[in-house]
């Protein structure tokens, strides 16, 4: 049961856009808005994750980030496939 109210004002065209998207997902406006706001809030919070390493562990971490990626045949095959919407020559 929801007990905390969240109120906001929007332009009519913003409301209409939200309503259109909510309808496509068979959701009420408030459910759609709450879900979208929570997803964005989680994303913002996850971007703020902080961790600390000792100097030697940090250097190893940096070396791993700077190292070239290992060969990945599956990814190479995937990237070699031309997308159906790509009309340019490769």
N, C-alpha and C. Protein backbone atom coordinates (compact mmCIF):
# COMPACT_ATOMS: atom_id res chain seq x y z
N UNK A 1 0.83 -1.18 0.00
CA UNK A 1 0.00 0.00 0.00
C UNK A 1 0.88 1.24 0.00
N UNK A 2 0.64 2.11 -0.93
CA UNK A 2 1.41 3.34 -1.04
C UNK A 2 0.81 4.39 -0.11
N UNK A 3 1.68 5.05 0.66
CA UNK A 3 1.16 6.06 1.58
C UNK A 3 1.84 7.42 1.41
N UNK A 4 2.95 7.49 0.69
CA UNK A 4 3.66 8.75 0.49
C UNK A 4 3.23 9.37 -0.83
N UNK A 5 2.82 10.64 -0.76
CA UNK A 5 2.38 11.34 -1.97
C UNK A 5 3.56 12.08 -2.60
N UNK A 6 3.59 12.07 -3.93
CA UNK A 6 4.56 12.84 -4.70
C UNK A 6 3.75 13.64 -5.71
N UNK A 7 3.84 14.95 -5.63
CA UNK A 7 3.07 15.82 -6.52
C UNK A 7 4.01 16.59 -7.43
N UNK A 8 3.62 16.77 -8.68
CA UNK A 8 4.41 17.60 -9.58
C UNK A 8 3.51 18.17 -10.66
N UNK A 9 3.98 19.23 -11.25
CA UNK A 9 3.26 19.88 -12.34
C UNK A 9 4.01 19.62 -13.63
N UNK A 10 3.26 19.46 -14.71
CA UNK A 10 3.85 19.20 -16.02
C UNK A 10 3.11 19.99 -17.08
N UNK A 11 3.78 20.20 -18.19
CA UNK A 11 3.12 20.80 -19.34
C UNK A 11 2.14 19.79 -19.92
N UNK A 12 1.06 20.25 -20.53
CA UNK A 12 0.10 19.30 -21.12
C UNK A 12 0.75 18.34 -22.11
N UNK A 13 1.70 18.82 -22.91
CA UNK A 13 2.34 17.92 -23.87
C UNK A 13 3.23 16.89 -23.18
N UNK A 14 3.79 17.23 -22.03
CA UNK A 14 4.57 16.24 -21.27
C UNK A 14 3.64 15.17 -20.70
N UNK A 15 2.51 15.62 -20.14
CA UNK A 15 1.53 14.68 -19.62
C UNK A 15 1.04 13.74 -20.72
N UNK A 16 0.76 14.31 -21.89
CA UNK A 16 0.26 13.50 -23.00
C UNK A 16 1.30 12.48 -23.46
N UNK A 17 2.56 12.88 -23.49
CA UNK A 17 3.64 11.96 -23.86
C UNK A 17 3.73 10.81 -22.87
N UNK A 18 3.69 11.15 -21.58
CA UNK A 18 3.74 10.13 -20.53
C UNK A 18 2.54 9.21 -20.63
N UNK A 19 1.36 9.78 -20.84
CA UNK A 19 0.15 8.96 -20.96
C UNK A 19 0.23 8.01 -22.15
N UNK A 20 0.76 8.50 -23.26
CA UNK A 20 0.89 7.66 -24.45
C UNK A 20 1.81 6.47 -24.17
N UNK A 21 2.94 6.72 -23.55
CA UNK A 21 3.87 5.64 -23.24
C UNK A 21 3.27 4.68 -22.21
N UNK A 22 2.62 5.22 -21.19
CA UNK A 22 2.00 4.37 -20.17
C UNK A 22 0.94 3.47 -20.77
N UNK A 23 0.15 4.03 -21.67
CA UNK A 23 -0.89 3.24 -22.33
C UNK A 23 -0.29 2.09 -23.13
N UNK A 24 0.82 2.36 -23.83
CA UNK A 24 1.47 1.30 -24.60
C UNK A 24 1.93 0.15 -23.71
N UNK A 25 2.27 0.46 -22.48
CA UNK A 25 2.72 -0.58 -21.54
C UNK A 25 1.57 -1.07 -20.64
N UNK A 26 0.36 -0.61 -20.94
CA UNK A 26 -0.83 -0.99 -20.17
C UNK A 26 -0.65 -0.66 -18.68
N UNK A 27 -0.17 0.57 -18.41
CA UNK A 27 0.05 1.01 -17.04
C UNK A 27 -0.70 2.31 -16.81
N UNK A 28 -0.97 2.59 -15.56
CA UNK A 28 -1.51 3.89 -15.18
C UNK A 28 -0.37 4.91 -15.22
N UNK A 29 -0.73 6.17 -15.41
CA UNK A 29 0.27 7.23 -15.46
C UNK A 29 1.16 7.21 -14.22
N UNK A 30 0.58 7.15 -13.05
CA UNK A 30 1.38 7.21 -11.82
C UNK A 30 2.31 6.02 -11.69
N UNK A 31 1.85 4.82 -12.08
CA UNK A 31 2.71 3.63 -12.04
C UNK A 31 3.88 3.79 -13.00
N UNK A 32 3.58 4.28 -14.21
CA UNK A 32 4.62 4.48 -15.21
C UNK A 32 5.64 5.50 -14.71
N UNK A 33 5.16 6.63 -14.18
CA UNK A 33 6.07 7.68 -13.72
C UNK A 33 6.91 7.22 -12.53
N UNK A 34 6.31 6.51 -11.60
CA UNK A 34 7.04 6.04 -10.44
C UNK A 34 8.12 5.04 -10.85
N UNK A 35 7.78 4.13 -11.75
CA UNK A 35 8.76 3.15 -12.22
C UNK A 35 9.91 3.84 -12.95
N UNK A 36 9.60 4.80 -13.83
CA UNK A 36 10.64 5.51 -14.58
C UNK A 36 11.52 6.32 -13.63
N UNK A 37 10.92 6.98 -12.67
CA UNK A 37 11.70 7.79 -11.72
C UNK A 37 12.60 6.91 -10.87
N UNK A 38 12.10 5.76 -10.44
CA UNK A 38 12.91 4.85 -9.62
C UNK A 38 14.07 4.26 -10.42
N UNK A 39 13.81 3.91 -11.68
CA UNK A 39 14.90 3.40 -12.53
C UNK A 39 15.99 4.44 -12.69
N UNK A 40 15.60 5.69 -12.93
CA UNK A 40 16.58 6.78 -13.09
C UNK A 40 17.32 7.03 -11.79
N UNK A 41 16.61 7.00 -10.66
CA UNK A 41 17.25 7.21 -9.36
C UNK A 41 18.28 6.11 -9.08
N UNK A 42 17.93 4.87 -9.37
CA UNK A 42 18.88 3.77 -9.17
C UNK A 42 20.10 3.96 -10.04
N UNK A 43 19.91 4.38 -11.28
CA UNK A 43 21.03 4.60 -12.19
C UNK A 43 21.96 5.68 -11.65
N UNK A 44 21.39 6.78 -11.19
CA UNK A 44 22.21 7.87 -10.64
C UNK A 44 22.99 7.39 -9.42
N UNK A 45 22.32 6.66 -8.55
CA UNK A 45 23.00 6.18 -7.35
C UNK A 45 24.09 5.17 -7.67
N UNK A 46 23.84 4.29 -8.63
CA UNK A 46 24.85 3.31 -9.00
C UNK A 46 26.08 3.96 -9.63
N UNK A 47 25.88 5.10 -10.29
CA UNK A 47 27.02 5.82 -10.87
C UNK A 47 27.89 6.45 -9.80
N UNK A 48 27.43 6.50 -8.58
CA UNK A 48 28.16 7.15 -7.50
C UNK A 48 28.89 6.15 -6.60
N UNK A 49 28.99 4.91 -7.04
CA UNK A 49 29.65 3.88 -6.22
C UNK A 49 31.11 4.25 -6.03
N UNK A 50 31.57 4.13 -4.83
CA UNK A 50 32.94 4.47 -4.48
C UNK A 50 33.60 3.23 -3.90
N UNK A 51 34.82 2.97 -4.30
CA UNK A 51 35.58 1.91 -3.66
C UNK A 51 37.03 2.37 -3.54
N UNK A 52 37.72 1.80 -2.58
CA UNK A 52 39.08 2.22 -2.28
C UNK A 52 39.99 1.00 -2.34
N UNK A 53 41.19 1.20 -2.90
CA UNK A 53 42.16 0.12 -3.01
C UNK A 53 43.50 0.57 -2.45
N UNK A 54 44.26 -0.39 -1.97
CA UNK A 54 45.64 -0.11 -1.60
C UNK A 54 46.40 0.22 -2.88
N UNK A 55 47.55 0.84 -2.75
CA UNK A 55 48.32 1.32 -3.91
C UNK A 55 48.64 0.19 -4.90
N UNK A 56 49.12 -0.97 -4.40
CA UNK A 56 49.49 -2.06 -5.31
C UNK A 56 48.26 -2.64 -6.02
N UNK A 57 47.15 -2.77 -5.31
CA UNK A 57 45.92 -3.28 -5.92
C UNK A 57 45.40 -2.27 -6.95
N UNK A 58 45.54 -0.98 -6.64
CA UNK A 58 45.11 0.05 -7.57
C UNK A 58 45.94 -0.02 -8.86
N UNK A 59 47.24 -0.20 -8.74
CA UNK A 59 48.10 -0.31 -9.92
C UNK A 59 47.72 -1.52 -10.77
N UNK A 60 47.44 -2.64 -10.12
CA UNK A 60 46.99 -3.83 -10.86
C UNK A 60 45.67 -3.55 -11.58
N UNK A 61 44.78 -2.86 -10.91
CA UNK A 61 43.48 -2.51 -11.49
C UNK A 61 43.68 -1.63 -12.72
N UNK A 62 44.53 -0.63 -12.62
CA UNK A 62 44.80 0.27 -13.75
C UNK A 62 45.43 -0.49 -14.90
N UNK A 63 46.35 -1.39 -14.60
CA UNK A 63 46.98 -2.19 -15.66
C UNK A 63 45.96 -3.05 -16.39
N UNK A 64 45.03 -3.62 -15.65
CA UNK A 64 43.98 -4.42 -16.28
C UNK A 64 43.09 -3.55 -17.17
N UNK A 65 42.77 -2.35 -16.71
CA UNK A 65 41.94 -1.45 -17.52
C UNK A 65 42.68 -1.00 -18.78
N UNK A 66 43.98 -0.79 -18.68
CA UNK A 66 44.77 -0.30 -19.81
C UNK A 66 45.19 -1.39 -20.77
N UNK A 67 45.11 -2.64 -20.34
CA UNK A 67 45.56 -3.75 -21.19
C UNK A 67 44.61 -3.91 -22.37
N UNK A 68 45.14 -4.31 -23.52
CA UNK A 68 44.25 -4.55 -24.67
C UNK A 68 43.32 -5.72 -24.36
N UNK A 69 42.14 -5.71 -24.93
CA UNK A 69 41.20 -6.80 -24.66
C UNK A 69 41.71 -8.12 -25.24
N UNK A 70 41.33 -9.19 -24.59
CA UNK A 70 41.69 -10.52 -25.09
C UNK A 70 40.89 -10.80 -26.36
N UNK A 71 41.43 -11.60 -27.26
CA UNK A 71 40.68 -11.94 -28.47
C UNK A 71 39.34 -12.58 -28.11
N UNK A 72 38.31 -12.21 -28.86
CA UNK A 72 36.98 -12.74 -28.61
C UNK A 72 36.35 -13.10 -29.96
N UNK A 73 36.54 -14.35 -30.39
CA UNK A 73 36.04 -14.76 -31.71
C UNK A 73 34.53 -14.55 -31.88
N UNK A 74 33.77 -14.79 -30.83
CA UNK A 74 32.32 -14.60 -30.93
C UNK A 74 31.96 -13.15 -31.20
N UNK A 75 32.62 -12.24 -30.52
CA UNK A 75 32.37 -10.82 -30.73
C UNK A 75 32.83 -10.40 -32.13
N UNK A 76 33.94 -10.93 -32.56
CA UNK A 76 34.43 -10.60 -33.91
C UNK A 76 33.43 -11.06 -34.98
N UNK A 77 32.86 -12.26 -34.80
CA UNK A 77 31.84 -12.75 -35.75
C UNK A 77 30.62 -11.84 -35.73
N UNK A 78 30.20 -11.47 -34.53
CA UNK A 78 29.02 -10.62 -34.40
C UNK A 78 29.26 -9.26 -35.08
N UNK A 79 30.41 -8.68 -34.87
CA UNK A 79 30.70 -7.37 -35.43
C UNK A 79 30.88 -7.42 -36.95
N UNK A 80 31.16 -8.60 -37.49
CA UNK A 80 31.34 -8.74 -38.94
C UNK A 80 30.00 -8.82 -39.68
N UNK A 81 28.91 -9.05 -38.96
CA UNK A 81 27.60 -9.15 -39.59
C UNK A 81 27.09 -7.75 -39.91
N UNK A 82 26.65 -7.57 -41.13
CA UNK A 82 26.11 -6.28 -41.54
C UNK A 82 24.69 -6.13 -41.01
N UNK A 83 24.41 -5.02 -40.38
CA UNK A 83 23.06 -4.76 -39.86
C UNK A 83 22.10 -4.57 -41.04
N UNK A 84 20.89 -5.07 -40.91
CA UNK A 84 19.91 -4.95 -42.01
C UNK A 84 19.63 -3.49 -42.40
N UNK A 85 19.74 -2.57 -41.45
CA UNK A 85 19.44 -1.17 -41.74
C UNK A 85 20.67 -0.42 -42.27
N UNK A 86 21.83 -1.06 -42.29
CA UNK A 86 23.06 -0.42 -42.74
C UNK A 86 23.17 -0.58 -44.26
N UNK A 87 22.96 0.51 -44.98
CA UNK A 87 23.00 0.44 -46.45
C UNK A 87 24.36 0.85 -47.00
N UNK A 88 25.26 1.29 -46.12
CA UNK A 88 26.60 1.70 -46.58
C UNK A 88 27.46 0.47 -46.81
N UNK A 89 28.41 0.60 -47.73
CA UNK A 89 29.34 -0.50 -48.00
C UNK A 89 30.40 -0.53 -46.92
N UNK A 90 30.82 -1.72 -46.56
CA UNK A 90 31.88 -1.86 -45.55
C UNK A 90 33.20 -2.12 -46.21
